[in-house]
Each structure stands twice: as C-alpha cells, then as structure tokens.
C-alpha cells in the first residue's frame, strides 16, 4: 500500500522544483525590473504595448483576487504556506507526482505561491512606503477591453498570478476530463456469489 502511494519517477521531484523555482524567479525578477523602471504606483502613466489593450502599470494589491480581503495579508501569507505544504505532501507522500500533468500544474501553482508569498511577507517593502503595502503584492500587467464589463480594465496582475491561474486551470481539466474512469467492480463479489450458489 505504501509503495503504491509513493510510486512515481524520481525525475518528477526535479521537474517540480524547476517549475516552482523558475516560476518564482521569473515573477520576482519582472516585479523588480518593472518597479525599478516605472516606479511605484501613480508615478508613471501606463506604458502600452498594444495601444489601450495590453501594457505595463505598477500597482500594489493589498487584498487577494480582485482586491478582495484588503488588509488580510497575514492571513493570505499563512494560507499560502499551508497550501504549499499541502501540495508537496500531495505530490510526494500520496503519489500525485505519478501524474506528469499534475506535477506540471502543481509546480506552476507553487511558483506562483512562492512569488506572491515573498511580497506578502513584506520582503520587498522599504521604509517610507505606505504601511498597508507591507503585505501587499506587486502587480504590473495591465489588460483591458474597452466597453466590456470587468475587462475595462481587468485588475492588474503579475507572473505569479498567471502561473496560479494556468495551474488551477490544469487542475480543473484534470478533474473533469483527464480523471481516470472508475474501475469496474472486482471479481471478489461475483466469486462470493458463485460460492454461495454452489
């Protein structure tokens, strides 16, 4: 039983670590570069890569998705730590790493968790910044479609958020379309009936 729970290729550990570390590194590097070049929120106008649709604008999210839960940064940091531990246990204790798809999904989610957790713990914050930013997450990707509800504009986001969304989407695909079909009933029940009939 224990062997079944932990049976997965050892290369999955490497894949998971690479995805988590590179994902977090890409997120933190882009945040540092963009905030260094464009300044703190409000210091520079949006820089449009695709005019009025896709661009760069620094922002600090002191809540969670869509700014919900503003001021609850410590709670979100604790939740992120617990979720990260849960992912590692699920993958390598209970054998989810046997699935390459799940390893990719959870590796990306872990990269996103680590990137935003760095910000939640105030490791980017400096003296002189607004106190409420201490547990806030740096965002910089700006997307909008004029006239569309919720997309005019979409709340600013970052690489970590993108990793979280893609990873969560992969988990949904796994749940609805890639999950294994239920295994047929074992022969033990029919064999017992045969014995009883005899």
N, C-alpha and C. Protein backbone atom coordinates (compact mmCIF):
# COMPACT_ATOMS: atom_id res chain seq x y z
N UNK A 1 0.84 -1.20 0.00
CA UNK A 1 0.00 0.00 0.00
C UNK A 1 0.87 1.24 0.00
N UNK A 2 1.86 1.31 0.89
CA UNK A 2 2.74 2.48 0.96
C UNK A 2 3.51 2.67 -0.32
N UNK A 3 3.93 1.54 -0.94
CA UNK A 3 4.67 1.64 -2.19
C UNK A 3 3.82 2.24 -3.29
N UNK A 4 2.52 1.88 -3.30
CA UNK A 4 1.62 2.45 -4.29
C UNK A 4 1.45 3.94 -4.07
N UNK A 5 1.37 4.37 -2.83
CA UNK A 5 1.15 5.78 -2.53
C UNK A 5 2.32 6.65 -2.98
N UNK A 6 3.52 6.12 -2.94
CA UNK A 6 4.70 6.94 -3.22
C UNK A 6 5.38 6.56 -4.54
N UNK A 7 4.69 5.79 -5.40
CA UNK A 7 5.31 5.33 -6.63
C UNK A 7 5.22 6.41 -7.72
N UNK A 8 6.36 6.99 -8.07
CA UNK A 8 6.44 7.99 -9.13
C UNK A 8 7.89 8.10 -9.55
N UNK A 9 8.13 8.53 -10.80
CA UNK A 9 9.51 8.70 -11.25
C UNK A 9 10.22 9.78 -10.43
N UNK A 10 11.46 9.51 -10.05
CA UNK A 10 12.20 10.48 -9.23
C UNK A 10 12.46 11.78 -9.99
N UNK A 11 12.41 11.70 -11.33
CA UNK A 11 12.61 12.92 -12.12
C UNK A 11 11.49 13.94 -11.88
N UNK A 12 10.36 13.48 -11.36
CA UNK A 12 9.25 14.40 -11.08
C UNK A 12 9.61 15.38 -9.96
N UNK A 13 10.47 14.96 -9.05
CA UNK A 13 10.92 15.88 -8.00
C UNK A 13 11.69 17.04 -8.63
N UNK A 14 12.58 16.68 -9.56
CA UNK A 14 13.38 17.70 -10.25
C UNK A 14 12.47 18.63 -11.04
N UNK A 15 11.51 18.06 -11.78
CA UNK A 15 10.60 18.87 -12.58
C UNK A 15 9.82 19.83 -11.70
N UNK A 16 9.29 19.33 -10.59
CA UNK A 16 8.52 20.18 -9.68
C UNK A 16 9.38 21.33 -9.16
N UNK A 17 10.59 21.02 -8.72
CA UNK A 17 11.47 22.06 -8.17
C UNK A 17 11.84 23.10 -9.24
N UNK A 18 12.12 22.63 -10.45
CA UNK A 18 12.48 23.55 -11.53
C UNK A 18 11.32 24.49 -11.83
N UNK A 19 10.11 23.94 -11.94
CA UNK A 19 8.94 24.78 -12.22
C UNK A 19 8.69 25.79 -11.11
N UNK A 20 8.76 25.33 -9.86
CA UNK A 20 8.49 26.22 -8.73
C UNK A 20 9.54 27.31 -8.62
N UNK A 21 10.82 26.94 -8.74
CA UNK A 21 11.90 27.90 -8.57
C UNK A 21 11.96 28.88 -9.74
N UNK A 22 11.89 28.37 -10.97
CA UNK A 22 11.95 29.26 -12.13
C UNK A 22 10.72 30.16 -12.20
N UNK A 23 9.56 29.60 -11.84
CA UNK A 23 8.34 30.41 -11.84
C UNK A 23 8.44 31.56 -10.86
N UNK A 24 8.88 31.26 -9.64
CA UNK A 24 9.03 32.31 -8.63
C UNK A 24 10.11 33.31 -9.04
N UNK A 25 11.22 32.82 -9.60
CA UNK A 25 12.30 33.70 -10.01
C UNK A 25 11.86 34.65 -11.12
N UNK A 26 11.11 34.12 -12.10
CA UNK A 26 10.61 34.96 -13.19
C UNK A 26 9.67 36.03 -12.65
N UNK A 27 8.82 35.65 -11.71
CA UNK A 27 7.89 36.61 -11.12
C UNK A 27 8.63 37.71 -10.36
N UNK A 28 9.55 37.32 -9.50
CA UNK A 28 10.25 38.31 -8.68
C UNK A 28 11.17 39.19 -9.51
N UNK A 29 11.80 38.62 -10.53
CA UNK A 29 12.69 39.41 -11.38
C UNK A 29 11.90 40.46 -12.16
N UNK A 30 10.76 40.05 -12.74
CA UNK A 30 9.97 41.01 -13.51
C UNK A 30 9.39 42.10 -12.61
N UNK A 31 8.96 41.74 -11.42
CA UNK A 31 8.48 42.76 -10.49
C UNK A 31 9.56 43.77 -10.17
N UNK A 32 10.76 43.27 -9.87
CA UNK A 32 11.86 44.16 -9.51
C UNK A 32 12.22 45.09 -10.66
N UNK A 33 12.30 44.54 -11.88
CA UNK A 33 12.67 45.36 -13.04
C UNK A 33 11.60 46.39 -13.35
N UNK A 34 10.34 45.98 -13.39
CA UNK A 34 9.26 46.89 -13.74
C UNK A 34 9.13 48.00 -12.71
N UNK A 35 9.18 47.67 -11.43
CA UNK A 35 9.03 48.69 -10.39
C UNK A 35 10.24 49.62 -10.38
N UNK A 36 11.41 49.09 -10.73
CA UNK A 36 12.60 49.94 -10.81
C UNK A 36 12.50 50.91 -11.98
N UNK A 37 12.01 50.43 -13.13
CA UNK A 37 11.93 51.26 -14.33
C UNK A 37 10.74 52.21 -14.32
N UNK A 38 9.59 51.73 -13.86
CA UNK A 38 8.36 52.51 -13.95
C UNK A 38 8.00 53.22 -12.65
N UNK A 39 8.66 52.84 -11.55
CA UNK A 39 8.39 53.48 -10.27
C UNK A 39 7.21 52.88 -9.55
N UNK A 40 6.89 53.46 -8.42
CA UNK A 40 5.79 53.00 -7.59
C UNK A 40 4.46 53.38 -8.25
N UNK A 41 3.35 52.77 -7.80
CA UNK A 41 2.05 53.09 -8.37
C UNK A 41 1.78 54.59 -8.36
N UNK A 42 1.30 55.10 -9.49
CA UNK A 42 0.97 56.52 -9.61
C UNK A 42 2.10 57.39 -10.09
N UNK A 43 3.32 56.84 -10.16
CA UNK A 43 4.46 57.65 -10.56
C UNK A 43 4.60 57.77 -12.08
N UNK A 44 4.06 56.79 -12.82
CA UNK A 44 4.17 56.81 -14.28
C UNK A 44 2.83 56.41 -14.88
N UNK A 45 2.49 56.98 -16.03
CA UNK A 45 1.27 56.56 -16.72
C UNK A 45 1.46 55.16 -17.29
N UNK A 46 0.37 54.51 -17.67
CA UNK A 46 0.51 53.18 -18.29
C UNK A 46 1.40 53.23 -19.54
N UNK A 47 2.19 52.20 -19.72
CA UNK A 47 3.01 52.05 -20.93
C UNK A 47 2.35 50.97 -21.77
N UNK A 48 1.78 51.38 -22.90
CA UNK A 48 1.00 50.45 -23.71
C UNK A 48 1.88 49.71 -24.71
N UNK A 49 1.85 48.38 -24.66
CA UNK A 49 2.50 47.54 -25.65
C UNK A 49 1.57 47.32 -26.84
N UNK A 50 0.28 47.15 -26.56
CA UNK A 50 -0.77 47.15 -27.57
C UNK A 50 -1.73 48.25 -27.15
N UNK A 51 -1.82 49.28 -27.94
CA UNK A 51 -2.47 50.52 -27.54
C UNK A 51 -3.84 50.30 -26.91
N UNK A 52 -3.96 50.78 -25.66
CA UNK A 52 -5.21 50.76 -24.90
C UNK A 52 -5.75 49.35 -24.63
N UNK A 53 -4.92 48.31 -24.87
CA UNK A 53 -5.37 46.93 -24.61
C UNK A 53 -4.44 46.21 -23.65
N UNK A 54 -3.15 46.22 -23.94
CA UNK A 54 -2.20 45.46 -23.12
C UNK A 54 -0.98 46.33 -22.85
N UNK A 55 -0.63 46.45 -21.56
CA UNK A 55 0.50 47.29 -21.23
C UNK A 55 1.06 47.02 -19.85
N UNK A 56 1.81 48.00 -19.37
CA UNK A 56 2.50 47.89 -18.09
C UNK A 56 2.09 49.05 -17.20
N UNK A 57 1.70 48.74 -15.98
CA UNK A 57 1.35 49.76 -15.00
C UNK A 57 1.54 49.18 -13.60
N UNK A 58 2.37 49.80 -12.81
CA UNK A 58 2.63 49.27 -11.47
C UNK A 58 1.43 49.49 -10.55
N UNK A 59 1.20 48.51 -9.70
CA UNK A 59 0.12 48.58 -8.72
C UNK A 59 0.49 47.68 -7.55
N UNK A 60 -0.13 47.92 -6.41
CA UNK A 60 0.07 47.07 -5.23
C UNK A 60 -1.30 46.60 -4.76
N UNK A 61 -1.48 45.28 -4.74
CA UNK A 61 -2.74 44.69 -4.31
C UNK A 61 -2.63 44.29 -2.85
N UNK A 62 -3.37 44.97 -1.99
CA UNK A 62 -3.30 44.68 -0.56
C UNK A 62 -4.34 43.64 -0.15
N UNK A 63 -5.06 43.09 -1.15
CA UNK A 63 -6.02 42.03 -0.87
C UNK A 63 -5.62 40.76 -1.60
N UNK A 64 -6.64 40.06 -2.09
CA UNK A 64 -6.38 38.84 -2.87
C UNK A 64 -6.93 39.07 -4.27
N UNK A 65 -7.64 38.09 -4.81
CA UNK A 65 -8.19 38.21 -6.16
C UNK A 65 -9.16 39.40 -6.23
N UNK A 66 -8.98 40.24 -7.24
CA UNK A 66 -9.79 41.43 -7.44
C UNK A 66 -9.74 42.39 -6.24
N UNK A 67 -8.69 42.28 -5.43
CA UNK A 67 -8.55 43.18 -4.30
C UNK A 67 -9.40 42.79 -3.10
N UNK A 68 -10.07 41.65 -3.16
CA UNK A 68 -10.90 41.21 -2.04
C UNK A 68 -10.02 40.90 -0.83
N UNK A 69 -10.56 41.13 0.36
CA UNK A 69 -9.83 40.82 1.58
C UNK A 69 -8.71 41.78 1.86
N UNK A 70 -8.89 43.06 1.49
CA UNK A 70 -7.85 44.06 1.72
C UNK A 70 -7.48 44.12 3.20
N UNK A 71 -6.19 44.17 3.46
CA UNK A 71 -5.70 44.25 4.83
C UNK A 71 -5.53 42.91 5.51
N UNK A 72 -5.82 41.83 4.80
CA UNK A 72 -5.71 40.48 5.37
C UNK A 72 -4.45 39.78 4.87
N UNK A 73 -3.41 40.55 4.63
CA UNK A 73 -2.19 40.00 4.05
C UNK A 73 -1.57 38.89 4.87
N UNK A 74 -1.59 39.02 6.19
CA UNK A 74 -1.01 37.99 7.05
C UNK A 74 -1.77 36.68 6.90
N UNK A 75 -3.09 36.77 6.84
CA UNK A 75 -3.91 35.58 6.64
C UNK A 75 -3.56 34.91 5.32
N UNK A 76 -3.44 35.71 4.25
CA UNK A 76 -3.14 35.13 2.94
C UNK A 76 -1.74 34.52 2.92
N UNK A 77 -0.81 35.12 3.66
CA UNK A 77 0.54 34.55 3.73
C UNK A 77 0.52 33.19 4.42
N UNK A 78 -0.21 33.09 5.53
CA UNK A 78 -0.32 31.81 6.25
C UNK A 78 -1.01 30.78 5.38
N UNK A 79 -2.08 31.20 4.70
CA UNK A 79 -2.80 30.28 3.80
C UNK A 79 -1.88 29.77 2.70
N UNK A 80 -1.04 30.66 2.16
CA UNK A 80 -0.11 30.27 1.10
C UNK A 80 0.89 29.23 1.59
N UNK A 81 1.40 29.42 2.81
CA UNK A 81 2.36 28.47 3.37
C UNK A 81 1.71 27.10 3.55
N UNK A 82 0.50 27.10 4.10
CA UNK A 82 -0.23 25.84 4.32
C UNK A 82 -0.51 25.15 2.98
N UNK A 83 -0.93 25.95 1.98
CA UNK A 83 -1.21 25.39 0.65
C UNK A 83 0.05 24.80 0.03
N UNK A 84 1.17 25.49 0.19
CA UNK A 84 2.43 24.98 -0.35
C UNK A 84 2.83 23.66 0.27
N UNK A 85 2.69 23.56 1.58
CA UNK A 85 3.00 22.30 2.27
C UNK A 85 2.05 21.20 1.80
N UNK A 86 0.77 21.54 1.65
CA UNK A 86 -0.21 20.56 1.18
C UNK A 86 0.12 20.03 -0.20
N UNK A 87 0.61 20.91 -1.08
CA UNK A 87 0.97 20.49 -2.43
C UNK A 87 2.12 19.48 -2.39
N UNK A 88 3.14 19.78 -1.60
CA UNK A 88 4.30 18.88 -1.51
C UNK A 88 3.88 17.52 -0.95
N UNK A 89 3.03 17.51 0.07
CA UNK A 89 2.56 16.26 0.66
C UNK A 89 1.74 15.47 -0.36
N UNK A 90 0.85 16.17 -1.06
CA UNK A 90 0.01 15.50 -2.05
C UNK A 90 0.86 14.87 -3.16
N UNK A 91 1.84 15.63 -3.63
CA UNK A 91 2.68 15.12 -4.72
C UNK A 91 3.55 13.95 -4.30
N UNK A 92 4.28 14.12 -3.20
CA UNK A 92 5.36 13.19 -2.91
C UNK A 92 5.09 12.22 -1.76
N UNK A 93 4.04 12.46 -1.00
CA UNK A 93 3.64 11.50 0.02
C UNK A 93 2.52 10.61 -0.50
N UNK A 94 1.55 11.23 -1.15
CA UNK A 94 0.39 10.49 -1.62
C UNK A 94 0.45 10.16 -3.11
N UNK A 95 1.59 10.47 -3.74
CA UNK A 95 1.85 9.95 -5.07
C UNK A 95 1.23 10.68 -6.24
N UNK A 96 0.73 11.92 -6.05
CA UNK A 96 0.19 12.66 -7.19
C UNK A 96 1.25 12.90 -8.25
N UNK A 97 2.53 12.85 -7.85
CA UNK A 97 3.62 13.05 -8.80
C UNK A 97 3.71 11.92 -9.83
N UNK A 98 2.95 10.86 -9.65
CA UNK A 98 2.88 9.82 -10.67
C UNK A 98 2.29 10.37 -11.96
N UNK A 99 1.50 11.45 -11.83
CA UNK A 99 0.91 12.11 -13.00
C UNK A 99 1.80 13.27 -13.44
N UNK A 100 2.27 13.20 -14.67
CA UNK A 100 3.09 14.30 -15.22
C UNK A 100 2.27 15.58 -15.29
N UNK A 101 1.00 15.46 -15.65
CA UNK A 101 0.11 16.61 -15.76
C UNK A 101 -0.02 17.32 -14.41
N UNK A 102 -0.26 16.54 -13.35
CA UNK A 102 -0.40 17.13 -12.02
C UNK A 102 0.92 17.74 -11.54
N UNK A 103 2.03 17.13 -11.89
CA UNK A 103 3.33 17.68 -11.49
C UNK A 103 3.54 19.04 -12.13
N UNK A 104 3.21 19.15 -13.41
CA UNK A 104 3.31 20.47 -14.07
C UNK A 104 2.38 21.48 -13.42
N UNK A 105 1.12 21.09 -13.22
CA UNK A 105 0.13 22.01 -12.66
C UNK A 105 0.55 22.50 -11.28
N UNK A 106 0.93 21.56 -10.42
CA UNK A 106 1.26 21.93 -9.04
C UNK A 106 2.62 22.62 -8.95
N UNK A 107 3.52 22.32 -9.88
CA UNK A 107 4.79 23.04 -9.94
C UNK A 107 4.57 24.51 -10.27
N UNK A 108 3.69 24.79 -11.25
CA UNK A 108 3.40 26.18 -11.60
C UNK A 108 2.67 26.89 -10.47
N UNK A 109 1.71 26.20 -9.86
CA UNK A 109 1.00 26.81 -8.72
C UNK A 109 1.98 27.14 -7.60
N UNK A 110 2.92 26.25 -7.35
CA UNK A 110 3.91 26.50 -6.29
C UNK A 110 4.80 27.70 -6.62
N UNK A 111 5.17 27.83 -7.90
CA UNK A 111 5.94 29.00 -8.31
C UNK A 111 5.16 30.28 -8.06
N UNK A 112 3.86 30.25 -8.38
CA UNK A 112 3.02 31.41 -8.12
C UNK A 112 2.87 31.71 -6.64
N UNK A 113 2.70 30.66 -5.85
CA UNK A 113 2.59 30.84 -4.40
C UNK A 113 3.86 31.48 -3.85
N UNK A 114 5.02 30.98 -4.26
CA UNK A 114 6.29 31.50 -3.73
C UNK A 114 6.51 32.96 -4.14
N UNK A 115 6.19 33.28 -5.41
CA UNK A 115 6.38 34.65 -5.86
C UNK A 115 5.55 35.64 -5.08
N UNK A 116 4.28 35.34 -4.90
CA UNK A 116 3.41 36.26 -4.16
C UNK A 116 3.66 36.21 -2.66
N UNK A 117 4.09 35.05 -2.15
CA UNK A 117 4.39 34.94 -0.72
C UNK A 117 5.55 35.85 -0.34
N UNK A 118 6.55 35.96 -1.21
CA UNK A 118 7.66 36.88 -0.97
C UNK A 118 7.14 38.28 -0.69
N UNK A 119 6.18 38.72 -1.51
CA UNK A 119 5.60 40.05 -1.32
C UNK A 119 4.74 40.11 -0.06
N UNK A 120 3.93 39.07 0.16
CA UNK A 120 3.05 39.05 1.33
C UNK A 120 3.84 39.17 2.64
N UNK A 121 5.04 38.61 2.64
CA UNK A 121 5.87 38.66 3.85
C UNK A 121 6.60 39.99 3.98
N UNK A 122 6.35 40.92 3.06
CA UNK A 122 6.93 42.26 3.16
C UNK A 122 8.40 42.32 2.80
N UNK A 123 8.91 41.32 2.07
CA UNK A 123 10.34 41.27 1.79
C UNK A 123 10.77 42.27 0.72
N UNK A 124 9.82 42.91 0.05
CA UNK A 124 10.15 43.95 -0.93
C UNK A 124 9.93 45.34 -0.36
N UNK A 125 9.19 45.42 0.73
CA UNK A 125 8.78 46.70 1.32
C UNK A 125 9.97 47.45 1.89
N UNK A 126 9.94 48.78 1.79
CA UNK A 126 11.01 49.62 2.33
C UNK A 126 10.41 50.71 3.21
N UNK A 127 11.22 51.19 4.12
CA UNK A 127 10.78 52.30 4.97
C UNK A 127 10.40 53.48 4.08
N UNK A 128 9.28 54.10 4.41
CA UNK A 128 8.78 55.22 3.61
C UNK A 128 7.62 54.83 2.71
N UNK A 129 7.49 53.53 2.43
CA UNK A 129 6.33 53.07 1.66
C UNK A 129 5.11 53.08 2.57
N UNK A 130 3.90 53.21 2.02
CA UNK A 130 2.70 53.10 2.84
C UNK A 130 2.68 51.79 3.63
N UNK A 131 2.29 51.86 4.89
CA UNK A 131 2.31 50.70 5.77
C UNK A 131 1.45 49.56 5.21
N UNK A 132 0.32 49.92 4.58
CA UNK A 132 -0.58 48.88 4.08
C UNK A 132 0.04 48.07 2.94
N UNK A 133 1.10 48.60 2.33
CA UNK A 133 1.78 47.85 1.28
C UNK A 133 2.66 46.73 1.82
N UNK A 134 2.88 46.71 3.11
CA UNK A 134 3.84 45.76 3.68
C UNK A 134 3.44 44.32 3.42
N UNK A 135 2.15 44.05 3.32
CA UNK A 135 1.70 42.69 3.00
C UNK A 135 1.01 42.67 1.63
N UNK A 136 1.29 43.70 0.82
CA UNK A 136 0.68 43.78 -0.49
C UNK A 136 1.53 43.10 -1.55
N UNK A 137 0.90 42.77 -2.66
CA UNK A 137 1.57 42.08 -3.77
C UNK A 137 1.76 43.06 -4.93
N UNK A 138 2.96 43.09 -5.47
CA UNK A 138 3.26 43.96 -6.60
C UNK A 138 2.66 43.39 -7.89
N UNK A 139 1.91 44.20 -8.58
CA UNK A 139 1.33 43.83 -9.87
C UNK A 139 1.81 44.81 -10.93
N UNK A 140 1.81 44.36 -12.19
CA UNK A 140 2.28 45.27 -13.24
C UNK A 140 1.70 45.01 -14.62
N UNK A 141 1.04 43.88 -14.83
CA UNK A 141 0.47 43.58 -16.14
C UNK A 141 -0.91 44.22 -16.23
N UNK A 142 -1.11 45.04 -17.26
CA UNK A 142 -2.36 45.77 -17.44
C UNK A 142 -3.06 45.26 -18.69
N UNK A 143 -4.34 44.92 -18.54
CA UNK A 143 -5.11 44.40 -19.67
C UNK A 143 -6.51 45.00 -19.61
N UNK A 144 -7.00 45.45 -20.76
CA UNK A 144 -8.36 46.00 -20.79
C UNK A 144 -8.96 45.83 -22.18
N UNK A 145 -10.27 45.65 -22.22
CA UNK A 145 -11.03 45.69 -23.47
C UNK A 145 -12.15 46.70 -23.25
N UNK A 146 -12.05 47.80 -23.94
CA UNK A 146 -12.97 48.92 -23.71
C UNK A 146 -14.42 48.49 -23.91
N UNK A 147 -15.24 48.85 -22.92
CA UNK A 147 -16.68 48.58 -23.01
C UNK A 147 -17.12 47.24 -22.47
N UNK A 148 -16.16 46.33 -22.17
CA UNK A 148 -16.53 45.02 -21.64
C UNK A 148 -16.52 45.06 -20.12
N UNK A 149 -17.64 44.68 -19.48
CA UNK A 149 -17.66 44.65 -18.01
C UNK A 149 -16.53 43.76 -17.47
N UNK A 150 -15.90 44.22 -16.41
CA UNK A 150 -14.81 43.54 -15.71
C UNK A 150 -13.50 43.55 -16.50
N UNK A 151 -13.55 43.82 -17.79
CA UNK A 151 -12.33 43.86 -18.59
C UNK A 151 -11.96 45.29 -18.98
N UNK A 152 -12.57 46.27 -18.34
CA UNK A 152 -12.31 47.67 -18.68
C UNK A 152 -12.00 48.50 -17.43
N UNK A 153 -10.83 48.30 -16.78
CA UNK A 153 -9.81 47.30 -17.10
C UNK A 153 -9.96 46.05 -16.23
N UNK A 154 -9.25 44.99 -16.61
CA UNK A 154 -9.07 43.83 -15.73
C UNK A 154 -8.09 44.24 -14.64
N UNK A 155 -8.29 43.80 -13.39
CA UNK A 155 -7.34 44.19 -12.34
C UNK A 155 -5.91 43.80 -12.71
N UNK A 156 -4.97 44.70 -12.41
CA UNK A 156 -3.55 44.42 -12.71
C UNK A 156 -3.13 43.09 -12.06
N UNK A 157 -2.22 42.40 -12.73
CA UNK A 157 -1.75 41.12 -12.20
C UNK A 157 -0.27 40.96 -12.50
N UNK A 158 0.29 39.79 -12.22
CA UNK A 158 1.73 39.56 -12.37
C UNK A 158 1.98 38.14 -12.87
N UNK A 159 3.23 37.77 -13.00
CA UNK A 159 3.59 36.43 -13.47
C UNK A 159 3.09 35.35 -12.50
N UNK A 160 3.23 35.61 -11.20
CA UNK A 160 2.77 34.63 -10.21
C UNK A 160 1.28 34.35 -10.36
N UNK A 161 0.50 35.42 -10.53
CA UNK A 161 -0.94 35.23 -10.73
C UNK A 161 -1.22 34.39 -11.97
N UNK A 162 -0.46 34.64 -13.03
CA UNK A 162 -0.63 33.88 -14.27
C UNK A 162 -0.34 32.40 -14.06
N UNK A 163 0.73 32.11 -13.31
CA UNK A 163 1.07 30.72 -13.01
C UNK A 163 -0.03 30.06 -12.19
N UNK A 164 -0.57 30.79 -11.23
CA UNK A 164 -1.65 30.24 -10.40
C UNK A 164 -2.88 29.93 -11.24
N UNK A 165 -3.23 30.83 -12.15
CA UNK A 165 -4.43 30.64 -12.97
C UNK A 165 -4.24 29.46 -13.93
N UNK A 166 -3.09 29.40 -14.59
CA UNK A 166 -2.83 28.30 -15.52
C UNK A 166 -2.81 26.97 -14.77
N UNK A 167 -2.13 26.93 -13.63
CA UNK A 167 -2.08 25.70 -12.84
C UNK A 167 -3.45 25.28 -12.37
N UNK A 168 -4.26 26.24 -11.90
CA UNK A 168 -5.62 25.92 -11.45
C UNK A 168 -6.47 25.43 -12.62
N UNK A 169 -6.28 26.03 -13.79
CA UNK A 169 -7.00 25.57 -14.97
C UNK A 169 -6.64 24.13 -15.33
N UNK A 170 -5.36 23.80 -15.19
CA UNK A 170 -4.92 22.43 -15.46
C UNK A 170 -5.54 21.46 -14.46
N UNK A 171 -5.68 21.88 -13.21
CA UNK A 171 -6.32 21.02 -12.21
C UNK A 171 -7.79 20.78 -12.57
N UNK A 172 -8.45 21.83 -13.07
CA UNK A 172 -9.85 21.66 -13.47
C UNK A 172 -9.97 20.69 -14.65
N UNK A 173 -9.06 20.83 -15.62
CA UNK A 173 -9.07 19.91 -16.76
C UNK A 173 -8.84 18.48 -16.28
N UNK A 174 -7.91 18.32 -15.34
CA UNK A 174 -7.64 17.00 -14.76
C UNK A 174 -8.88 16.43 -14.11
N UNK A 175 -9.59 17.27 -13.37
CA UNK A 175 -10.76 16.81 -12.62
C UNK A 175 -11.91 16.40 -13.53
N UNK A 176 -12.14 17.19 -14.60
CA UNK A 176 -13.33 16.98 -15.42
C UNK A 176 -13.10 16.11 -16.65
N UNK A 177 -11.86 16.13 -17.19
CA UNK A 177 -11.66 15.43 -18.45
C UNK A 177 -10.56 14.36 -18.42
N UNK A 178 -9.58 14.52 -17.55
CA UNK A 178 -8.47 13.58 -17.57
C UNK A 178 -8.50 12.57 -16.45
N UNK A 179 -9.45 12.73 -15.52
CA UNK A 179 -9.53 11.79 -14.40
C UNK A 179 -9.81 10.39 -14.93
N UNK A 180 -9.25 9.40 -14.26
CA UNK A 180 -9.44 8.01 -14.68
C UNK A 180 -10.90 7.60 -14.50
N UNK A 181 -11.34 6.76 -15.42
CA UNK A 181 -12.68 6.20 -15.29
C UNK A 181 -12.72 5.29 -14.06
N UNK A 182 -13.88 5.22 -13.39
CA UNK A 182 -13.99 4.31 -12.23
C UNK A 182 -13.68 2.89 -12.66
N UNK A 183 -12.91 2.21 -11.85
CA UNK A 183 -12.55 0.83 -12.16
C UNK A 183 -13.76 -0.07 -11.96
N UNK A 184 -13.90 -1.08 -12.81
CA UNK A 184 -15.05 -2.00 -12.65
C UNK A 184 -14.96 -2.73 -11.33
N UNK A 185 -16.11 -3.23 -10.88
CA UNK A 185 -16.16 -3.96 -9.62
C UNK A 185 -15.21 -5.15 -9.67
N UNK A 186 -14.58 -5.43 -8.56
CA UNK A 186 -13.65 -6.56 -8.51
C UNK A 186 -14.41 -7.87 -8.59
N UNK A 187 -13.65 -8.92 -8.87
CA UNK A 187 -14.27 -10.24 -9.02
C UNK A 187 -14.66 -10.86 -7.68
N UNK A 188 -14.19 -10.25 -6.59
CA UNK A 188 -14.41 -10.88 -5.29
C UNK A 188 -15.90 -11.02 -5.00
N UNK A 189 -16.67 -9.99 -5.40
CA UNK A 189 -18.10 -10.05 -5.12
C UNK A 189 -18.76 -11.17 -5.91
N UNK A 190 -18.45 -11.24 -7.21
CA UNK A 190 -19.07 -12.30 -8.05
C UNK A 190 -18.60 -13.68 -7.62
N UNK A 191 -17.32 -13.77 -7.21
CA UNK A 191 -16.81 -15.08 -6.77
C UNK A 191 -17.54 -15.54 -5.51
N UNK A 192 -17.81 -14.59 -4.61
CA UNK A 192 -18.53 -14.95 -3.39
C UNK A 192 -19.91 -15.46 -3.71
N UNK A 193 -20.56 -14.79 -4.70
CA UNK A 193 -21.90 -15.25 -5.09
C UNK A 193 -21.88 -16.65 -5.68
N UNK A 194 -20.83 -16.90 -6.50
CA UNK A 194 -20.71 -18.22 -7.08
C UNK A 194 -20.54 -19.27 -6.00
N UNK A 195 -19.73 -18.93 -4.99
CA UNK A 195 -19.51 -19.90 -3.92
C UNK A 195 -20.80 -20.17 -3.19
N UNK A 196 -21.57 -19.06 -2.97
CA UNK A 196 -22.84 -19.25 -2.26
C UNK A 196 -23.83 -20.07 -3.07
N UNK A 197 -23.82 -19.84 -4.42
CA UNK A 197 -24.73 -20.59 -5.26
C UNK A 197 -24.38 -22.06 -5.28
N UNK A 198 -23.06 -22.34 -5.18
CA UNK A 198 -22.63 -23.75 -5.23
C UNK A 198 -22.94 -24.40 -3.93
